[in-house]
């Protein structure tokens, strides 16, 4: 699966997802781009945006984009807090469909 890690997600999380093609917003040159435009760009080359921004799904209309949004729900966005969510994230990715929002964690 082609995953895009939002700016708020540590880029080292990609190392915990070796079965996927993972890029970061910064690697794509999209740093600082507002969420609406970011989702539009991401939908052209990625299957899902992985973020810790719990408000993003409520601020954007996902039904018009061929992209899923996965929100990692942890007590912080530090790698040590996100790594325990990786097994649940992997399981979620196996059934993920476009135009959906999924919360992984608490």
N, C-alpha and C. Protein backbone atom coordinates (compact mmCIF):
# COMPACT_ATOMS: atom_id res chain seq x y z
N UNK A 1 0.84 -1.18 0.00
CA UNK A 1 0.00 0.00 0.00
C UNK A 1 0.89 1.24 0.00
N UNK A 2 0.45 2.27 -0.68
CA UNK A 2 1.19 3.53 -0.74
C UNK A 2 0.68 4.46 0.35
N UNK A 3 1.56 4.76 1.31
CA UNK A 3 1.18 5.56 2.47
C UNK A 3 1.93 6.87 2.48
N UNK A 4 1.24 7.92 2.89
CA UNK A 4 1.84 9.23 3.08
C UNK A 4 1.77 9.57 4.56
N UNK A 5 2.93 9.84 5.17
CA UNK A 5 2.98 10.23 6.58
C UNK A 5 2.86 11.75 6.66
N UNK A 6 1.90 12.21 7.42
CA UNK A 6 1.69 13.63 7.63
C UNK A 6 2.90 14.22 8.35
N UNK A 7 3.01 15.54 8.30
CA UNK A 7 4.13 16.23 8.95
C UNK A 7 4.20 15.95 10.45
N UNK A 8 3.07 15.70 11.06
CA UNK A 8 3.01 15.48 12.50
C UNK A 8 3.44 14.07 12.93
N UNK A 9 3.68 13.21 11.96
CA UNK A 9 4.09 11.83 12.24
C UNK A 9 5.60 11.72 12.04
N UNK A 10 6.32 11.15 13.02
CA UNK A 10 7.77 11.01 12.86
C UNK A 10 8.12 10.17 11.62
N UNK A 11 9.03 10.65 10.83
CA UNK A 11 9.38 9.96 9.58
C UNK A 11 9.95 8.57 9.84
N UNK A 12 10.51 8.36 11.03
CA UNK A 12 11.08 7.04 11.35
C UNK A 12 10.02 5.96 11.50
N UNK A 13 8.74 6.36 11.58
CA UNK A 13 7.68 5.36 11.62
C UNK A 13 7.67 4.53 10.34
N UNK A 14 8.14 5.10 9.26
CA UNK A 14 8.20 4.38 7.98
C UNK A 14 9.02 3.10 8.08
N UNK A 15 10.04 3.10 8.91
CA UNK A 15 10.87 1.91 9.09
C UNK A 15 10.09 0.76 9.71
N UNK A 16 9.03 1.05 10.43
CA UNK A 16 8.20 0.02 11.05
C UNK A 16 7.14 -0.51 10.09
N UNK A 17 7.12 0.01 8.87
CA UNK A 17 6.14 -0.39 7.86
C UNK A 17 6.83 -0.87 6.59
N UNK A 18 7.69 -1.88 6.70
CA UNK A 18 8.50 -2.29 5.54
C UNK A 18 7.72 -2.91 4.39
N UNK A 19 6.49 -3.33 4.63
CA UNK A 19 5.70 -3.95 3.57
C UNK A 19 4.92 -2.95 2.73
N UNK A 20 5.17 -1.67 2.98
CA UNK A 20 4.44 -0.63 2.28
C UNK A 20 5.41 0.38 1.67
N UNK A 21 4.92 1.07 0.65
CA UNK A 21 5.69 2.17 0.07
C UNK A 21 5.29 3.42 0.86
N UNK A 22 6.24 3.94 1.66
CA UNK A 22 5.93 5.03 2.57
C UNK A 22 6.77 6.25 2.22
N UNK A 23 6.09 7.38 2.10
CA UNK A 23 6.74 8.67 1.89
C UNK A 23 6.24 9.63 2.95
N UNK A 24 6.98 10.68 3.18
CA UNK A 24 6.53 11.72 4.10
C UNK A 24 6.11 12.95 3.31
N UNK A 25 5.32 13.77 3.96
CA UNK A 25 4.89 15.03 3.34
C UNK A 25 6.12 15.85 2.96
N UNK A 26 7.12 15.87 3.82
CA UNK A 26 8.35 16.64 3.56
C UNK A 26 9.09 16.07 2.35
N UNK A 27 9.21 14.74 2.27
CA UNK A 27 9.89 14.12 1.12
C UNK A 27 9.21 14.50 -0.19
N UNK A 28 7.90 14.65 -0.15
CA UNK A 28 7.15 15.00 -1.35
C UNK A 28 7.24 16.48 -1.67
N UNK A 29 7.84 17.27 -0.78
CA UNK A 29 7.93 18.71 -1.01
C UNK A 29 6.65 19.44 -0.69
N UNK A 30 5.80 18.83 0.15
CA UNK A 30 4.49 19.39 0.46
C UNK A 30 4.41 19.96 1.87
N UNK A 31 5.53 20.24 2.49
CA UNK A 31 5.53 20.80 3.83
C UNK A 31 4.80 22.12 3.89
N UNK A 32 3.99 22.31 4.92
CA UNK A 32 3.28 23.55 5.12
C UNK A 32 2.01 23.71 4.31
N UNK A 33 1.68 22.74 3.49
CA UNK A 33 0.46 22.83 2.67
C UNK A 33 -0.75 22.53 3.55
N UNK A 34 -1.80 23.31 3.38
CA UNK A 34 -3.03 23.14 4.15
C UNK A 34 -3.66 21.77 3.86
N UNK A 35 -4.42 21.26 4.83
CA UNK A 35 -4.97 19.91 4.75
C UNK A 35 -5.79 19.63 3.50
N UNK A 36 -6.65 20.55 3.09
CA UNK A 36 -7.47 20.32 1.91
C UNK A 36 -6.64 20.09 0.67
N UNK A 37 -5.68 20.96 0.43
CA UNK A 37 -4.80 20.82 -0.72
C UNK A 37 -3.91 19.59 -0.58
N UNK A 38 -3.46 19.32 0.63
CA UNK A 38 -2.62 18.14 0.88
C UNK A 38 -3.38 16.86 0.54
N UNK A 39 -4.61 16.76 0.97
CA UNK A 39 -5.41 15.56 0.66
C UNK A 39 -5.64 15.41 -0.84
N UNK A 40 -5.89 16.51 -1.51
CA UNK A 40 -6.08 16.47 -2.96
C UNK A 40 -4.83 15.96 -3.66
N UNK A 41 -3.67 16.47 -3.26
CA UNK A 41 -2.41 16.01 -3.85
C UNK A 41 -2.15 14.55 -3.51
N UNK A 42 -2.37 14.20 -2.24
CA UNK A 42 -2.09 12.83 -1.79
C UNK A 42 -2.97 11.81 -2.51
N UNK A 43 -4.19 12.19 -2.84
CA UNK A 43 -5.12 11.27 -3.48
C UNK A 43 -4.66 10.83 -4.86
N UNK A 44 -3.77 11.59 -5.47
CA UNK A 44 -3.30 11.23 -6.82
C UNK A 44 -2.22 10.17 -6.81
N UNK A 45 -1.57 9.95 -5.68
CA UNK A 45 -0.48 8.97 -5.68
C UNK A 45 -0.39 8.07 -4.47
N UNK A 46 -1.33 8.20 -3.54
CA UNK A 46 -1.28 7.41 -2.31
C UNK A 46 -2.63 6.78 -2.02
N UNK A 47 -2.58 5.69 -1.27
CA UNK A 47 -3.81 5.01 -0.86
C UNK A 47 -4.34 5.57 0.46
N UNK A 48 -3.41 6.06 1.31
CA UNK A 48 -3.84 6.56 2.62
C UNK A 48 -2.88 7.61 3.14
N UNK A 49 -3.44 8.54 3.89
CA UNK A 49 -2.68 9.52 4.65
C UNK A 49 -2.71 9.06 6.10
N UNK A 50 -1.53 8.93 6.71
CA UNK A 50 -1.42 8.55 8.11
C UNK A 50 -1.06 9.81 8.88
N UNK A 51 -1.89 10.14 9.88
CA UNK A 51 -1.72 11.37 10.62
C UNK A 51 -2.00 11.14 12.11
N UNK A 52 -1.68 12.12 12.92
CA UNK A 52 -2.10 12.12 14.32
C UNK A 52 -3.08 13.27 14.56
N UNK A 53 -3.45 13.97 13.52
CA UNK A 53 -4.38 15.10 13.59
C UNK A 53 -5.81 14.58 13.72
N UNK A 54 -6.32 14.54 14.93
CA UNK A 54 -7.65 13.98 15.19
C UNK A 54 -8.77 14.84 14.61
N UNK A 55 -8.50 16.08 14.29
CA UNK A 55 -9.53 16.97 13.75
C UNK A 55 -9.65 16.90 12.23
N UNK A 56 -8.64 16.41 11.56
CA UNK A 56 -8.62 16.41 10.10
C UNK A 56 -9.87 15.80 9.47
N UNK A 57 -10.33 14.64 9.90
CA UNK A 57 -11.53 14.07 9.25
C UNK A 57 -12.77 14.93 9.40
N UNK A 58 -12.85 15.74 10.43
CA UNK A 58 -14.01 16.59 10.65
C UNK A 58 -13.91 17.90 9.88
N UNK A 59 -12.72 18.22 9.41
CA UNK A 59 -12.49 19.47 8.70
C UNK A 59 -12.52 19.30 7.18
N UNK A 60 -12.45 18.06 6.72
CA UNK A 60 -12.34 17.81 5.29
C UNK A 60 -13.41 16.83 4.82
N UNK A 61 -13.82 16.95 3.58
CA UNK A 61 -14.79 16.03 2.98
C UNK A 61 -14.01 14.93 2.27
N UNK A 62 -13.96 13.76 2.88
CA UNK A 62 -13.20 12.65 2.31
C UNK A 62 -13.95 11.92 1.20
N UNK A 63 -15.25 12.12 1.11
CA UNK A 63 -16.04 11.35 0.14
C UNK A 63 -15.68 11.66 -1.31
N UNK A 64 -15.05 12.78 -1.56
CA UNK A 64 -14.72 13.14 -2.94
C UNK A 64 -13.30 12.73 -3.34
N UNK A 65 -12.55 12.13 -2.42
CA UNK A 65 -11.16 11.78 -2.70
C UNK A 65 -10.94 10.27 -2.67
N UNK A 66 -10.16 9.77 -3.60
CA UNK A 66 -9.84 8.34 -3.64
C UNK A 66 -8.69 8.05 -2.68
N UNK A 67 -8.92 8.33 -1.42
CA UNK A 67 -7.88 8.25 -0.41
C UNK A 67 -8.54 7.96 0.94
N UNK A 68 -7.86 7.20 1.78
CA UNK A 68 -8.33 6.97 3.14
C UNK A 68 -7.45 7.79 4.08
N UNK A 69 -8.00 8.13 5.24
CA UNK A 69 -7.24 8.82 6.27
C UNK A 69 -7.21 7.92 7.50
N UNK A 70 -6.00 7.66 7.99
CA UNK A 70 -5.81 6.87 9.19
C UNK A 70 -5.24 7.78 10.26
N UNK A 71 -5.98 7.91 11.37
CA UNK A 71 -5.53 8.74 12.48
C UNK A 71 -4.97 7.83 13.56
N UNK A 72 -3.69 8.03 13.89
CA UNK A 72 -3.07 7.30 14.98
C UNK A 72 -3.40 8.04 16.28
N UNK A 73 -4.11 7.38 17.17
CA UNK A 73 -4.58 8.00 18.40
C UNK A 73 -3.73 7.51 19.57
N UNK A 74 -2.74 8.30 19.93
CA UNK A 74 -1.83 7.97 21.03
C UNK A 74 -1.71 9.20 21.93
N UNK A 75 -1.08 9.03 23.08
CA UNK A 75 -0.95 10.15 24.02
C UNK A 75 0.01 11.23 23.53
N UNK A 76 0.82 10.91 22.54
CA UNK A 76 1.70 11.91 21.92
C UNK A 76 2.04 11.44 20.52
N UNK A 77 2.71 12.31 19.78
CA UNK A 77 3.12 11.92 18.43
C UNK A 77 4.58 11.48 18.39
N UNK A 78 5.14 11.18 19.54
CA UNK A 78 6.51 10.68 19.58
C UNK A 78 6.54 9.23 19.09
N UNK A 79 7.64 8.86 18.46
CA UNK A 79 7.77 7.53 17.89
C UNK A 79 7.48 6.45 18.93
N UNK A 80 7.98 6.63 20.15
CA UNK A 80 7.78 5.62 21.19
C UNK A 80 6.29 5.42 21.53
N UNK A 81 5.48 6.43 21.35
CA UNK A 81 4.04 6.31 21.59
C UNK A 81 3.31 5.71 20.40
N UNK A 82 3.85 5.87 19.20
CA UNK A 82 3.19 5.39 17.99
C UNK A 82 3.57 3.95 17.62
N UNK A 83 4.76 3.53 17.95
CA UNK A 83 5.20 2.18 17.58
C UNK A 83 4.28 1.07 18.10
N UNK A 84 3.75 1.17 19.32
CA UNK A 84 2.83 0.12 19.77
C UNK A 84 1.55 0.02 18.94
N UNK A 85 1.24 1.04 18.17
CA UNK A 85 0.04 1.02 17.32
C UNK A 85 0.27 0.34 15.97
N UNK A 86 1.52 0.05 15.64
CA UNK A 86 1.85 -0.49 14.32
C UNK A 86 1.12 -1.81 14.03
N UNK A 87 1.07 -2.78 14.95
CA UNK A 87 0.34 -4.01 14.62
C UNK A 87 -1.14 -3.75 14.29
N UNK A 88 -1.78 -2.87 15.04
CA UNK A 88 -3.18 -2.52 14.76
C UNK A 88 -3.29 -1.76 13.44
N UNK A 89 -2.30 -0.90 13.16
CA UNK A 89 -2.28 -0.17 11.90
C UNK A 89 -2.16 -1.15 10.73
N UNK A 90 -1.26 -2.11 10.84
CA UNK A 90 -1.09 -3.11 9.77
C UNK A 90 -2.39 -3.87 9.52
N UNK A 91 -3.06 -4.25 10.58
CA UNK A 91 -4.32 -4.97 10.44
C UNK A 91 -5.37 -4.08 9.76
N UNK A 92 -5.42 -2.83 10.15
CA UNK A 92 -6.36 -1.87 9.55
C UNK A 92 -6.09 -1.69 8.07
N UNK A 93 -4.83 -1.62 7.69
CA UNK A 93 -4.47 -1.40 6.29
C UNK A 93 -4.93 -2.54 5.39
N UNK A 94 -5.08 -3.74 5.92
CA UNK A 94 -5.51 -4.87 5.09
C UNK A 94 -6.96 -4.76 4.64
N UNK A 95 -7.76 -3.97 5.35
CA UNK A 95 -9.17 -3.83 5.01
C UNK A 95 -9.56 -2.39 4.68
N UNK A 96 -8.59 -1.53 4.56
CA UNK A 96 -8.84 -0.11 4.33
C UNK A 96 -9.42 0.14 2.95
N UNK A 97 -10.41 1.01 2.88
CA UNK A 97 -10.99 1.37 1.59
C UNK A 97 -10.90 2.88 1.39
N UNK A 98 -10.84 3.33 0.15
CA UNK A 98 -10.78 4.76 -0.14
C UNK A 98 -12.01 5.48 0.42
N UNK A 99 -11.84 6.79 0.63
CA UNK A 99 -12.93 7.67 1.07
C UNK A 99 -13.40 7.37 2.49
N UNK A 100 -12.53 6.76 3.29
CA UNK A 100 -12.90 6.45 4.65
C UNK A 100 -11.93 7.08 5.64
N UNK A 101 -12.39 7.15 6.87
CA UNK A 101 -11.58 7.64 7.98
C UNK A 101 -11.56 6.52 9.02
N UNK A 102 -10.35 6.18 9.49
CA UNK A 102 -10.21 5.13 10.48
C UNK A 102 -9.30 5.64 11.59
N UNK A 103 -9.71 5.39 12.82
CA UNK A 103 -8.89 5.74 13.97
C UNK A 103 -8.25 4.48 14.50
N UNK A 104 -6.93 4.53 14.70
CA UNK A 104 -6.17 3.40 15.23
C UNK A 104 -5.61 3.83 16.58
N UNK A 105 -5.99 3.10 17.62
CA UNK A 105 -5.50 3.43 18.95
C UNK A 105 -6.62 3.45 19.97
N UNK A 106 -6.48 4.33 20.93
CA UNK A 106 -7.43 4.39 22.06
C UNK A 106 -8.87 4.27 21.68
